[in-house]
């Protein structure tokens, strides 16, 4: 049973989303520091050796990484401990 404006299953849905986001961050960190690719994983262009040496585990060329950084939107945190009054203000 949902309370307030939340629909049934909203809490479980938010927990699943939070878990997926955390797993995505862990996977990104696990990739970092590994072997760098010689070619970009997105466009297939060669990645310069200087970039591969400077950023261990790099998988994207500068153009693709710039685009990925530009489109990244961090998820807002949910205050699950806050009271309803603090959330309504």
Protein backbone atom coordinates (compact mmCIF):
# COMPACT_ATOMS: atom_id res chain seq x y z
CA UNK A 1 0.00 0.00 0.00
CA UNK A 2 1.36 3.38 -0.99
CA UNK A 3 1.16 6.46 1.16
CA UNK A 4 0.77 10.07 0.17
CA UNK A 5 1.23 10.74 -3.54
CA UNK A 6 3.29 7.62 -4.21
CA UNK A 7 1.87 4.80 -6.32
CA UNK A 8 1.92 1.16 -5.28
CA UNK A 9 5.45 -0.23 -5.67
CA UNK A 10 7.05 3.22 -5.86
CA UNK A 11 9.45 2.48 -3.00
CA UNK A 12 10.61 -0.77 -4.58
CA UNK A 13 10.94 0.94 -7.94
CA UNK A 14 13.17 3.66 -6.43
CA UNK A 15 15.30 1.05 -4.67
CA UNK A 16 15.76 -0.83 -7.96
CA UNK A 17 16.76 2.37 -9.77
CA UNK A 18 19.22 3.29 -7.01
CA UNK A 19 20.72 -0.20 -7.17
CA UNK A 20 21.09 -0.06 -10.96
CA UNK A 21 22.81 3.34 -10.75
CA UNK A 22 25.21 2.07 -8.07
CA UNK A 23 26.05 -1.00 -10.16
CA UNK A 24 26.70 1.19 -13.20
CA UNK A 25 29.14 3.32 -11.16
CA UNK A 26 30.94 0.20 -9.90
CA UNK A 27 31.23 -1.18 -13.42
CA UNK A 28 32.67 2.11 -14.67
CA UNK A 29 35.29 2.08 -11.90
CA UNK A 30 36.13 -1.56 -12.62
CA UNK A 31 36.85 -0.69 -16.25
CA UNK A 32 39.13 2.18 -15.27
CA UNK A 33 42.72 1.22 -14.75
CA UNK A 34 42.58 -1.80 -17.03
CA UNK A 35 44.05 -2.15 -20.47
CA UNK A 36 43.37 0.76 -22.82
CA UNK A 37 41.80 0.15 -26.20
CA UNK A 38 43.70 1.10 -29.36
CA UNK A 39 40.45 2.08 -31.08
CA UNK A 40 37.42 3.92 -29.73
CA UNK A 41 34.64 1.62 -28.52
CA UNK A 42 31.99 3.96 -30.00
CA UNK A 43 33.30 5.27 -33.32
CA UNK A 44 36.27 2.99 -34.07
CA UNK A 45 38.75 5.85 -34.53
CA UNK A 46 42.29 5.24 -33.23
CA UNK A 47 42.97 6.50 -29.70
CA UNK A 48 46.28 8.40 -29.54
CA UNK A 49 49.03 6.68 -27.56
CA UNK A 50 49.49 9.73 -25.34
CA UNK A 51 45.84 9.46 -24.24
CA UNK A 52 46.15 5.70 -23.62
CA UNK A 53 49.21 6.31 -21.42
CA UNK A 54 47.68 9.28 -19.58
CA UNK A 55 44.34 7.57 -18.83
CA UNK A 56 44.80 3.85 -18.12
CA UNK A 57 41.76 1.85 -19.18
CA UNK A 58 40.52 4.45 -21.65
CA UNK A 59 37.92 3.10 -24.10
CA UNK A 60 36.74 6.25 -25.89
CA UNK A 61 38.46 8.80 -28.10
CA UNK A 62 38.45 12.43 -26.96
CA UNK A 63 35.44 13.38 -29.13
CA UNK A 64 33.29 10.47 -27.91
CA UNK A 65 34.35 11.00 -24.28
CA UNK A 66 33.48 14.70 -24.55
CA UNK A 67 30.02 13.80 -25.86
CA UNK A 68 29.54 11.18 -23.13
CA UNK A 69 30.56 13.70 -20.46
CA UNK A 70 28.21 16.31 -21.91
CA UNK A 71 25.21 13.96 -21.90
CA UNK A 72 25.86 12.58 -18.39
CA UNK A 73 23.34 13.76 -15.83
CA UNK A 74 24.00 12.62 -12.26
CA UNK A 75 20.97 11.26 -10.49
CA UNK A 76 19.60 13.32 -7.66
CA UNK A 77 19.77 11.72 -4.29
CA UNK A 78 16.65 10.72 -2.44
CA UNK A 79 16.43 11.61 1.23
CA UNK A 80 14.76 8.46 2.49
CA UNK A 81 15.20 9.52 6.12
CA UNK A 82 13.62 12.93 5.77
CA UNK A 83 10.22 13.58 7.22
CA UNK A 84 7.29 14.36 4.94
CA UNK A 85 7.29 17.92 6.25
CA UNK A 86 10.91 18.46 5.19
CA UNK A 87 10.13 17.12 1.72
CA UNK A 88 7.09 19.34 1.24
CA UNK A 89 8.89 22.63 1.93
